[in-house]
Each structure stands twice: as C-alpha cells, then as structure tokens.
C-alpha cells in the first residue's frame, strides 16, 4: 500500500468518525429535549393543531 492510500484511508476513517459523532450528538440532543415535559407537550399540541 502506498502512503497516499493510507492517507486516503485515514481521511475516510476520520470522516466516518465525524459522521458518527454528529449522529450521536443529534440523538443526545433529541433525548435531552424529551427530558423537558413542557417541550414534549408543546410539540404534541403543535402537531395536533395541524389536523
């Protein structure tokens, strides 16, 4: 394997790790938002008002 190949694999690995970190951060933010009951009730009311 050439040096360019390992650098490309390292960049791909870094991008993959960055995507997983972003997904984990988004899921954490969503779960943390559900710990606030007022937010959940407000979202439910907004969705219900659409019908």
Foldseek 3Di string as FASTA:
>chain_A
DDPVVVVVVVVVVVVVVVVVVVVVVVVVVVVVQVVDVVSVVVVVVVVVVVD
